[in-house]
């Protein structure tokens, strides 16, 4: 037996040597050597990308499995499945197949819920990654294209979530689609043709059949964008925070392979496992309680998924009566203005790296990240954007807020309208002043050290508190980070 094992080992070794001498083997070896020598900084902010990747993997795997059982059709059938309460009800084939997945396919409900939970977590991970990239200045040259790719990933995730939200064809999604129809019809000139293109006729038309291909295309599009983003980032060394031994010309961290890859792989498995655990224990989107969609009915208290709440909130904050008549047409500002504001906001986010470069005149390459406190203006702009987005997001649940706190819906909407206007300005001012104050604190720390709490009496009789200097590495970090501040 030992001779056989030795023979197999020798054969494997000879095959490995021959493979290494081929063109593919030499290229693979060169890639592995490069990965082993490529350093990656260790910081918690780098983990959001792994979380997003894990969510995308769960969405892809569960989505492929659900495809074999889902029927994307709005045609009416009589339900005769395993849920007795709905026996004899007229439902769409899409609703019936979703019920079949939930109650008759082994593990089907877990697949549906894992798909849904991962779709809810994915935009959160991408938003967190965008915020970290923004506040640390990681979007500057030579990584501006990476910022645009990350933004497009978020838009694709929103499109995928919105299109998937409607596919079960239950009462909740039907209510959301009725709102979409009203918004589309409110767009001047092109609203009616656009509605016919989307729905294919009177509501609900063929909306299921037309949304399903969009939902299928989103995941390949996100994978393609992810590959593009990784390729763009791989062209340059990863950015890092200022610290001992870290300069603009080097990277201090662990090797990408196997150290960083093992860490990322562990987090990937943890996130995937947690999503599956939540899917197996926490119910989400129980369509059997909502019932099938009906063109003439609407669900009370219907709310969109959290990531599209800001779109709904923009519509709810528009004052009533915003209409004008011109050119023999009625122009519904209640639809035009929210769409224009949201479009301008998203466009501003996408092109911000280019705007900052133009206004600051800074066209150099940056490989050291900023502490948010050292870039007071940028941090203020970011907080203002968060206040604007957060107000719109809260407005999406204005009715629930009014009901939960026994307030009038008019008062809640008025308060949110005022907050939408003054909130960003207040947020910008407070954030900028806090950053400037923290900058002053850092300068005092470098010049005078930190307070020890020890009071001593000098020979002249006066009392002073003893200060102790920070260590030289901390001084270097504060001085290096503060020297790059543009304020």
Protein backbone atom coordinates (compact mmCIF):
# COMPACT_ATOMS: atom_id res chain seq x y z
CA UNK A 1 0.00 0.00 0.00
CA UNK A 2 2.83 2.39 0.81
CA UNK A 3 4.38 1.77 -2.63
CA UNK A 4 1.10 2.67 -4.33
CA UNK A 5 0.79 5.89 -2.34
CA UNK A 6 4.39 6.82 -3.16
CA UNK A 7 3.75 6.15 -6.82
CA UNK A 8 0.62 8.32 -6.79
CA UNK A 9 2.48 11.12 -5.07
CA UNK A 10 5.26 11.01 -7.62
CA UNK A 11 2.78 10.98 -10.49
CA UNK A 12 0.94 13.96 -9.02
CA UNK A 13 4.21 15.79 -8.55
CA UNK A 14 5.29 15.14 -12.13
CA UNK A 15 1.92 16.31 -13.45
CA UNK A 16 2.13 19.45 -11.33
CA UNK A 17 5.63 20.18 -12.64
CA UNK A 18 4.49 19.73 -16.24
CA UNK A 19 1.44 21.93 -15.67
CA UNK A 20 3.63 24.63 -14.12
CA UNK A 21 5.76 24.68 -17.29
CA UNK A 22 2.77 25.39 -19.55
CA UNK A 23 1.58 28.90 -20.43
CA UNK A 24 -1.49 28.55 -18.21
CA UNK A 25 0.61 27.24 -15.34
CA UNK A 26 3.13 30.08 -15.58
CA UNK A 27 0.40 32.69 -15.68
CA UNK A 28 -1.44 31.11 -12.75
CA UNK A 29 1.78 31.00 -10.75
CA UNK A 30 2.47 34.66 -11.51
CA UNK A 31 -1.04 35.61 -10.40
CA UNK A 32 -0.67 33.70 -7.14
CA UNK A 33 2.68 35.34 -6.47
CA UNK A 34 1.17 38.76 -7.08
CA UNK A 35 -1.72 38.00 -4.71
CA UNK A 36 0.71 36.86 -2.03
CA UNK A 37 2.73 40.07 -2.34
CA UNK A 38 -0.24 42.44 -2.57
CA UNK A 39 -0.83 43.97 0.85
CA UNK A 40 -4.33 44.80 2.10
CA UNK A 41 -4.95 47.21 5.03
CA UNK A 42 -7.00 45.81 7.90
CA UNK A 43 -9.91 48.08 8.85
CA UNK A 44 -13.53 47.40 9.75
CA UNK A 45 -14.76 49.71 6.98
CA UNK A 46 -13.41 47.28 4.39
CA UNK A 47 -15.90 44.60 5.44
CA UNK A 48 -19.05 46.10 3.92
CA UNK A 49 -18.01 44.92 0.47
CA UNK A 50 -17.82 41.33 1.72
CA UNK A 51 -21.29 41.66 3.27
CA UNK A 52 -22.67 42.92 -0.04
CA UNK A 53 -20.97 40.06 -1.90
CA UNK A 54 -22.48 37.49 0.47
CA UNK A 55 -25.96 38.97 -0.03
CA UNK A 56 -25.51 38.92 -3.80
CA UNK A 57 -24.45 35.26 -3.63
CA UNK A 58 -27.52 34.32 -1.56
CA UNK A 59 -29.78 36.24 -3.95
CA UNK A 60 -28.24 34.52 -6.96
CA UNK A 61 -28.40 30.97 -5.60
CA UNK A 62 -31.91 31.25 -4.17
CA UNK A 63 -33.13 33.12 -7.25
CA UNK A 64 -31.94 30.37 -9.59
CA UNK A 65 -33.71 27.74 -7.47
CA UNK A 66 -36.93 29.78 -7.33
CA UNK A 67 -36.95 30.17 -11.12
CA UNK A 68 -37.83 26.50 -11.58
CA UNK A 69 -41.08 26.85 -9.64
CA UNK A 70 -42.27 30.42 -10.32
CA UNK A 71 -44.69 31.22 -13.15
CA UNK A 72 -44.42 34.84 -14.36
CA UNK A 73 -47.97 35.25 -15.60
CA UNK A 74 -50.91 37.42 -14.64
CA UNK A 75 -53.42 34.98 -16.16
CA UNK A 76 -56.26 34.10 -13.76
CA UNK A 77 -56.67 30.61 -12.30
CA UNK A 78 -58.68 29.11 -9.43
CA UNK A 79 -56.50 28.39 -6.43
CA UNK A 80 -56.59 24.78 -5.24
CA UNK A 81 -53.28 24.54 -3.40
CA UNK A 82 -52.24 23.53 0.09
CA UNK A 83 -53.55 26.71 1.81
CA UNK A 84 -57.24 25.92 2.46
CA UNK A 85 -58.36 29.45 3.32
CA UNK A 86 -57.94 30.58 -0.30
CA UNK A 87 -59.52 27.52 -1.94
CA UNK A 88 -61.78 28.59 -4.79
CA UNK A 89 -60.37 32.13 -4.98
CA UNK A 90 -59.41 33.55 -8.37
CA UNK A 91 -55.72 34.35 -8.34
CA UNK A 92 -53.00 34.94 -10.91
CA UNK A 93 -50.64 32.18 -11.92
CA UNK A 94 -47.83 34.23 -10.36
CA UNK A 95 -49.60 34.27 -6.98
CA UNK A 96 -50.52 30.58 -7.21
CA UNK A 97 -46.95 29.57 -8.03
CA UNK A 98 -45.61 31.68 -5.15
CA UNK A 99 -48.06 29.95 -2.80
CA UNK A 100 -46.93 26.61 -4.24
CA UNK A 101 -43.31 27.53 -3.46
CA UNK A 102 -44.23 28.59 0.08
CA UNK A 103 -46.33 25.58 1.10
CA UNK A 104 -45.61 22.68 -1.22
CA UNK A 105 -41.98 22.88 -2.37
CA UNK A 106 -39.65 21.40 0.29
CA UNK A 107 -37.69 24.30 1.73
CA UNK A 108 -39.47 26.70 -0.60
CA UNK A 109 -40.54 29.15 2.07
CA UNK A 110 -36.97 29.30 3.43
CA UNK A 111 -35.70 30.01 -0.11
CA UNK A 112 -38.26 32.79 -0.62
CA UNK A 113 -37.49 34.40 2.70
CA UNK A 114 -33.71 34.10 2.26
CA UNK A 115 -34.08 35.75 -1.15
CA UNK A 116 -36.12 38.56 0.39
CA UNK A 117 -33.91 39.11 3.46
CA UNK A 118 -30.76 39.18 1.34
CA UNK A 119 -32.42 41.70 -1.00
CA UNK A 120 -33.14 43.91 2.03
CA UNK A 121 -29.60 43.67 3.40
CA UNK A 122 -27.82 44.23 0.09
CA UNK A 123 -28.79 47.93 -0.35
CA UNK A 124 -27.86 48.56 3.31
CA UNK A 125 -24.37 47.12 2.76
CA UNK A 126 -23.92 49.12 -0.44
CA UNK A 127 -25.13 52.34 1.23
CA UNK A 128 -22.71 51.78 4.13
CA UNK A 129 -19.89 51.23 1.65
CA UNK A 130 -20.82 54.43 -0.20
CA UNK A 131 -20.85 56.40 3.05
CA UNK A 132 -17.45 55.07 4.14
CA UNK A 133 -16.02 55.81 0.70
CA UNK A 134 -17.46 59.34 0.80
CA UNK A 135 -16.46 60.40 4.30
CA UNK A 136 -12.90 59.02 3.98
CA UNK A 137 -12.29 60.51 0.52
CA UNK A 138 -11.67 57.10 -1.07
CA UNK A 139 -13.48 58.31 -4.22
CA UNK A 140 -10.72 60.71 -5.28
CA UNK A 141 -8.24 60.11 -8.07
CA UNK A 142 -7.43 57.48 -9.17
CA UNK A 143 -10.63 55.80 -7.88
CA UNK A 144 -13.39 58.00 -9.26
CA UNK A 145 -14.58 55.32 -11.69
CA UNK A 146 -14.83 52.90 -8.77
CA UNK A 147 -17.22 55.31 -7.03
CA UNK A 148 -19.45 55.44 -10.13
CA UNK A 149 -19.44 51.63 -10.37
CA UNK A 150 -20.42 51.36 -6.68
CA UNK A 151 -23.24 53.87 -7.21
CA UNK A 152 -24.52 51.91 -10.21
CA UNK A 153 -24.43 48.75 -8.10
CA UNK A 154 -26.74 50.45 -5.61
CA UNK A 155 -29.12 51.57 -8.37
CA UNK A 156 -29.17 48.03 -9.78
CA UNK A 157 -29.93 46.64 -6.31
CA UNK A 158 -32.84 49.09 -5.96
CA UNK A 159 -34.16 48.12 -9.39
CA UNK A 160 -33.88 44.43 -8.56
CA UNK A 161 -35.64 44.84 -5.24
CA UNK A 162 -38.44 46.93 -6.72
CA UNK A 163 -39.08 44.54 -9.60
CA UNK A 164 -38.99 41.51 -7.29
CA UNK A 165 -41.38 43.21 -4.85
CA UNK A 166 -44.18 43.01 -7.42
CA UNK A 167 -43.66 39.44 -8.65
CA UNK A 168 -45.73 37.57 -5.99
CA UNK A 169 -48.76 39.55 -7.22
CA UNK A 170 -50.29 39.78 -3.74
CA UNK A 171 -52.39 42.64 -2.37
CA UNK A 172 -49.34 44.49 -0.96
CA UNK A 173 -47.43 44.46 -4.23
CA UNK A 174 -50.62 45.24 -6.18
CA UNK A 175 -51.11 48.38 -4.09
CA UNK A 176 -47.53 49.43 -4.84
CA UNK A 177 -48.05 48.85 -8.55
CA UNK A 178 -51.19 51.00 -8.51
CA UNK A 179 -49.06 53.83 -7.06
CA UNK A 180 -46.47 53.27 -9.81
CA UNK A 181 -49.22 53.51 -12.42
CA UNK A 182 -50.44 56.82 -10.98
CA UNK A 183 -46.93 58.28 -10.93
CA UNK A 184 -46.30 57.19 -14.49
CA UNK A 185 -49.57 58.71 -15.72
CA UNK A 186 -48.68 61.96 -13.94
CA UNK A 187 -45.59 62.51 -16.09
CA UNK A 188 -46.48 65.15 -18.72
CA UNK A 189 -46.49 64.30 -22.44
CA UNK A 190 -44.87 60.86 -22.16
CA UNK A 191 -46.80 59.55 -19.15
CA UNK A 192 -49.54 57.64 -20.98
CA UNK A 193 -47.24 56.01 -23.60
CA UNK A 194 -44.81 55.12 -20.82
CA UNK A 195 -47.60 53.56 -18.77
CA UNK A 196 -48.74 51.50 -21.77
CA UNK A 197 -45.16 50.37 -22.36
CA UNK A 198 -44.75 49.34 -18.73
CA UNK A 199 -48.13 47.72 -18.12
CA UNK A 200 -49.09 46.71 -21.64
CA UNK A 201 -52.71 47.83 -21.29
CA UNK A 202 -55.27 48.66 -18.59
CA UNK A 203 -54.08 47.99 -15.05
CA UNK A 204 -52.69 45.52 -14.16
CA UNK A 205 -52.08 44.57 -17.78
CA UNK A 206 -48.98 42.46 -18.33
CA UNK A 207 -46.88 44.01 -15.59
CA UNK A 208 -45.74 40.64 -14.18
CA UNK A 209 -44.60 39.41 -17.58
CA UNK A 210 -42.69 42.65 -18.18
CA UNK A 211 -41.08 43.01 -14.75
CA UNK A 212 -39.85 39.42 -14.64
CA UNK A 213 -37.19 39.85 -17.40
CA UNK A 214 -35.99 43.03 -15.67
CA UNK A 215 -35.65 41.14 -12.41
CA UNK A 216 -33.67 38.39 -14.13
CA UNK A 217 -31.30 40.84 -15.81
CA UNK A 218 -30.44 42.69 -12.60
CA UNK A 219 -28.26 39.97 -11.03
CA UNK A 220 -26.04 39.46 -14.11
CA UNK A 221 -25.78 43.24 -14.40
CA UNK A 222 -24.69 43.51 -10.76
CA UNK A 223 -22.14 40.73 -11.22
CA UNK A 224 -20.76 42.54 -14.27
CA UNK A 225 -20.58 45.83 -12.36
CA UNK A 226 -18.87 44.06 -9.47
CA UNK A 227 -16.26 42.60 -11.82
CA UNK A 228 -15.69 46.04 -13.35
CA UNK A 229 -15.31 47.62 -9.91
CA UNK A 230 -12.85 44.95 -8.74
CA UNK A 231 -10.85 45.36 -11.96
CA UNK A 232 -10.74 49.15 -11.48
CA UNK A 233 -9.63 48.86 -7.87
CA UNK A 234 -7.04 46.19 -8.71
CA UNK A 235 -5.25 48.63 -11.00
CA UNK A 236 -4.16 50.67 -7.96
CA UNK A 237 -2.98 49.81 -4.49
CA UNK A 238 -5.71 49.96 -1.84
CA UNK A 239 -6.08 53.21 0.11
CA UNK A 240 -5.22 53.26 3.80
CA UNK A 241 -5.54 55.53 6.81
CA UNK A 242 -2.48 57.42 8.00
CA UNK A 243 -0.51 55.53 10.63
CA UNK A 244 2.94 54.37 11.68
CA UNK A 245 4.95 53.37 8.63
CA UNK A 246 2.17 54.24 6.19
CA UNK A 247 3.00 56.63 3.40
CA UNK A 248 1.62 57.56 0.02
CA UNK A 249 4.07 55.14 -1.59
CA UNK A 250 3.43 51.93 0.40
CA UNK A 251 0.66 49.81 1.90
CA UNK A 252 0.83 48.38 5.42
CA UNK A 253 -1.36 45.32 5.91
CA UNK A 254 -1.60 41.58 5.41
CA UNK A 255 -1.13 39.63 2.16
CA UNK A 256 -4.23 39.42 0.01
CA UNK A 257 -3.73 35.66 -0.27
CA UNK A 258 -4.16 33.73 1.92
CA UNK A 259 -4.58 36.05 4.94
CA UNK A 260 -7.06 38.67 3.70
CA UNK A 261 -8.85 36.11 1.51
CA UNK A 262 -9.35 33.82 4.51
CA UNK A 263 -10.76 36.69 6.61
CA UNK A 264 -13.11 37.72 3.81
CA UNK A 265 -14.15 34.12 3.22
CA UNK A 266 -14.96 33.64 6.89
CA UNK A 267 -17.11 36.77 6.99
CA UNK A 268 -18.77 35.70 3.73
CA UNK A 269 -19.80 32.38 5.27
CA UNK A 270 -20.96 34.04 8.51
CA UNK A 271 -23.18 36.55 6.67
CA UNK A 272 -24.61 33.86 4.38
CA UNK A 273 -25.32 31.64 7.36
CA UNK A 274 -26.98 34.43 9.32
CA UNK A 275 -29.21 35.31 6.36
CA UNK A 276 -30.31 31.69 6.10
CA UNK A 277 -30.87 31.51 9.87
CA UNK A 278 -33.05 34.62 9.78
CA UNK A 279 -34.92 33.23 6.78
CA UNK A 280 -35.64 30.03 8.66
CA UNK A 281 -36.87 31.74 11.84
CA UNK A 282 -38.37 35.13 10.91
CA UNK A 283 -41.38 35.44 8.60
CA UNK A 284 -41.32 38.11 5.92
CA UNK A 285 -43.81 38.93 3.16
CA UNK A 286 -46.54 36.44 4.18
CA UNK A 287 -48.58 36.73 0.98
CA UNK A 288 -51.14 34.21 2.25
CA UNK A 289 -52.21 36.84 4.80
CA UNK A 290 -52.32 39.68 2.27
CA UNK A 291 -54.30 37.72 -0.32
CA UNK A 292 -54.12 38.02 -4.11
CA UNK A 293 -53.87 41.38 -5.84
CA UNK A 294 -57.11 42.98 -7.01
CA UNK A 295 -57.25 45.96 -9.41
CA UNK A 296 -60.12 47.51 -7.46
CA UNK A 297 -58.70 47.07 -3.94
CA UNK A 298 -55.80 48.52 -1.95
CA UNK A 299 -54.18 47.37 1.28
CA UNK A 300 -54.43 49.78 4.22
CA UNK A 301 -51.10 50.79 5.75
CA UNK A 302 -49.14 49.49 2.78
CA UNK A 303 -45.47 50.43 3.00
CA UNK A 304 -42.68 49.95 0.45
CA UNK A 305 -39.51 48.07 1.28
CA UNK A 306 -37.16 50.29 3.28
CA UNK A 307 -34.77 51.04 0.42
CA UNK A 308 -37.50 52.67 -1.72
CA UNK A 309 -39.11 54.53 1.19
CA UNK A 310 -37.41 57.80 0.20
CA UNK A 311 -39.16 57.70 -3.19
CA UNK A 312 -42.57 57.31 -1.59
CA UNK A 313 -41.70 59.99 0.97
CA UNK A 314 -40.90 62.51 -1.77
CA UNK A 315 -44.44 62.10 -3.12
CA UNK A 316 -46.05 62.43 0.31
CA UNK A 317 -44.32 65.72 1.13
CA UNK A 318 -45.63 67.58 -1.92
CA UNK A 319 -48.25 70.20 -0.90
CA UNK A 320 -51.75 69.59 -2.32
CA UNK A 321 -52.98 71.46 -5.37
CA UNK A 322 -49.65 71.66 -7.18
CA UNK A 323 -51.03 71.76 -10.72
CA UNK A 324 -50.79 74.25 -13.55
CA UNK A 325 -52.53 74.37 -16.93
CA UNK A 326 -50.34 75.33 -19.90
CA UNK A 327 -50.27 74.46 -23.60
CA UNK A 328 -53.68 72.78 -23.26
CA UNK A 329 -52.28 70.32 -20.73
CA UNK A 330 -52.44 69.91 -16.98
CA UNK A 331 -48.95 69.77 -15.51
CA UNK A 332 -48.99 67.84 -12.23
CA UNK A 333 -46.16 69.34 -10.20
CA UNK A 334 -46.95 66.86 -7.42
CA UNK A 335 -45.28 64.24 -9.62
CA UNK A 336 -42.83 66.33 -11.66
CA UNK A 337 -41.15 68.05 -8.72
CA UNK A 338 -40.45 64.90 -6.64
CA UNK A 339 -39.10 63.07 -9.69
CA UNK A 340 -36.88 66.05 -10.57
CA UNK A 341 -35.62 66.46 -7.00
CA UNK A 342 -34.84 62.76 -6.56
CA UNK A 343 -33.20 62.62 -9.98
CA UNK A 344 -31.04 65.66 -9.20
CA UNK A 345 -30.08 64.21 -5.80
CA UNK A 346 -29.00 60.87 -7.28
CA UNK A 347 -27.11 62.60 -10.10
CA UNK A 348 -25.30 64.77 -7.55
CA UNK A 349 -24.24 61.67 -5.62
CA UNK A 350 -22.95 60.00 -8.81
CA UNK A 351 -20.83 62.95 -9.99
CA UNK A 352 -19.70 64.29 -6.60
CA UNK A 353 -16.06 63.17 -7.02
CA UNK A 354 -15.82 65.18 -10.21
CA UNK A 355 -17.49 68.22 -8.64
CA UNK A 356 -15.18 68.20 -5.62
CA UNK A 357 -12.15 67.94 -7.84
CA UNK A 358 -13.35 70.85 -9.95
CA UNK A 359 -14.14 73.16 -7.02
CA UNK A 360 -11.05 72.32 -4.96
CA UNK A 361 -8.65 72.15 -7.90
CA UNK A 362 -7.10 69.00 -6.39
CA UNK A 363 -6.22 66.73 -9.32
CA UNK A 364 -3.47 64.74 -7.65
CA UNK A 365 -3.61 61.05 -6.79
CA UNK A 366 -4.54 60.16 -3.21
CA UNK A 367 -3.65 56.89 -1.52
CA UNK A 368 -4.08 57.95 2.11
CA UNK A 369 -7.62 58.23 3.43
CA UNK A 370 -8.94 61.26 5.29
CA UNK A 371 -10.28 61.37 8.81
CA UNK A 372 -13.76 62.91 8.39
CA UNK A 373 -12.98 65.56 11.03
CA UNK A 374 -10.12 66.89 8.91
CA UNK A 375 -12.40 67.52 5.93
CA UNK A 376 -15.05 69.64 7.63
CA UNK A 377 -16.78 70.89 4.47
CA UNK A 378 -17.06 67.47 2.86
CA UNK A 379 -18.30 65.94 6.12
CA UNK A 380 -20.89 68.71 6.43
CA UNK A 381 -22.09 68.03 2.89
CA UNK A 382 -22.38 64.33 3.68
CA UNK A 383 -24.41 64.98 6.84
CA UNK A 384 -26.65 67.37 4.92
CA UNK A 385 -27.27 64.66 2.32
CA UNK A 386 -28.07 62.16 5.06
CA UNK A 387 -30.53 64.60 6.64
CA UNK A 388 -32.23 65.11 3.27
CA UNK A 389 -32.43 61.37 2.55
CA UNK A 390 -33.49 60.55 6.11
CA UNK A 391 -36.34 63.05 6.01
CA UNK A 392 -37.68 61.62 2.77
CA UNK A 393 -37.30 58.11 4.17
CA UNK A 394 -39.25 59.01 7.33
CA UNK A 395 -41.95 60.66 5.22
CA UNK A 396 -42.57 57.31 3.54
CA UNK A 397 -44.10 56.20 6.86
CA UNK A 398 -45.77 59.47 7.82
CA UNK A 399 -49.14 57.76 8.24
CA UNK A 400 -47.70 55.09 10.54
CA UNK A 401 -45.86 57.73 12.58
CA UNK A 402 -49.09 59.69 13.01
CA UNK A 403 -50.98 56.56 14.07
CA UNK A 404 -48.28 55.30 16.46
CA UNK A 405 -47.94 58.62 18.29
CA UNK A 406 -51.61 59.70 18.01
CA UNK A 407 -50.74 62.74 15.89
CA UNK A 408 -52.53 64.30 12.97
CA UNK A 409 -51.20 63.27 9.59
CA UNK A 410 -51.23 66.93 8.52
CA UNK A 411 -49.00 67.91 11.45
CA UNK A 412 -46.53 65.11 10.76
CA UNK A 413 -46.30 66.02 7.07
CA UNK A 414 -45.85 69.72 7.89
CA UNK A 415 -43.05 68.95 10.35
CA UNK A 416 -41.31 66.78 7.76
CA UNK A 417 -41.72 69.45 5.08
CA UNK A 418 -40.01 72.00 7.33
CA UNK A 419 -37.29 69.48 8.23
CA UNK A 420 -36.66 68.74 4.57
CA UNK A 421 -35.89 72.41 3.95
CA UNK A 422 -33.97 73.44 7.08
CA UNK A 423 -32.63 70.03 8.19
CA UNK A 424 -29.78 69.78 5.66
CA UNK A 425 -28.60 73.32 6.43
CA UNK A 426 -28.65 72.65 10.18
CA UNK A 427 -26.92 69.30 9.69
CA UNK A 428 -24.19 70.89 7.55
CA UNK A 429 -23.54 73.67 10.06
CA UNK A 430 -23.42 71.42 13.12
CA UNK A 431 -21.22 68.80 11.42
CA UNK A 432 -18.79 71.41 10.14
CA UNK A 433 -18.49 73.10 13.53
CA UNK A 434 -17.97 69.76 15.28
CA UNK A 435 -15.24 68.83 12.81
CA UNK A 436 -13.46 72.15 13.29
CA UNK A 437 -13.68 71.70 17.05
CA UNK A 438 -12.18 68.21 16.79
CA UNK A 439 -9.39 69.58 14.62
CA UNK A 440 -8.59 72.14 17.31
CA UNK A 441 -8.60 69.37 19.91
CA UNK A 442 -6.11 67.36 17.86
CA UNK A 443 -3.81 70.38 17.50
CA UNK A 444 -3.93 71.00 21.26
CA UNK A 445 -3.19 67.33 21.86
CA UNK A 446 -0.09 67.49 19.67
CA UNK A 447 1.13 70.78 21.17
CA UNK A 448 0.28 70.31 24.83
CA UNK A 449 -0.42 66.61 25.32
CA UNK A 450 -3.39 65.14 27.18
CA UNK A 451 -4.63 65.94 30.68
CA UNK A 452 -3.44 63.58 33.40
CA UNK A 453 -5.62 64.88 36.26
CA UNK A 454 -2.53 65.56 38.40
CA UNK A 455 -2.40 69.03 39.99
CA UNK A 456 0.98 70.33 41.16
CA UNK A 457 2.03 73.52 42.88
CA UNK A 458 4.87 75.52 41.39
CA UNK A 459 7.54 77.27 43.47
CA UNK A 460 5.79 80.58 42.80
CA UNK A 461 2.62 79.30 44.45
CA UNK A 462 0.39 78.79 41.41
CA UNK A 463 -1.26 75.47 40.62
CA UNK A 464 -1.17 73.78 37.21
CA UNK A 465 -2.38 70.49 35.78
CA UNK A 466 0.32 68.19 34.45
CA UNK A 467 -0.01 67.27 30.77
CA UNK A 468 1.61 64.22 29.22
CA UNK A 469 2.68 64.14 25.60
CA UNK A 470 1.18 61.58 23.28
CA UNK A 471 3.58 58.98 21.93
CA UNK A 472 5.46 59.74 18.75
CA UNK A 473 3.37 57.38 16.61
CA UNK A 474 0.15 59.12 17.61
CA UNK A 475 1.75 62.51 17.01
CA UNK A 476 2.85 61.36 13.58
CA UNK A 477 -0.64 60.12 12.75
CA UNK A 478 -2.34 63.33 13.86
CA UNK A 479 0.19 65.58 12.10
CA UNK A 480 0.16 63.54 8.88
CA UNK A 481 -3.64 63.36 8.76
CA UNK A 482 -4.10 67.00 9.67
CA UNK A 483 -1.53 68.23 7.17
CA UNK A 484 -3.76 67.02 4.31
CA UNK A 485 -6.80 68.92 5.51
CA UNK A 486 -8.11 71.38 2.94
CA UNK A 487 -9.80 73.62 5.52
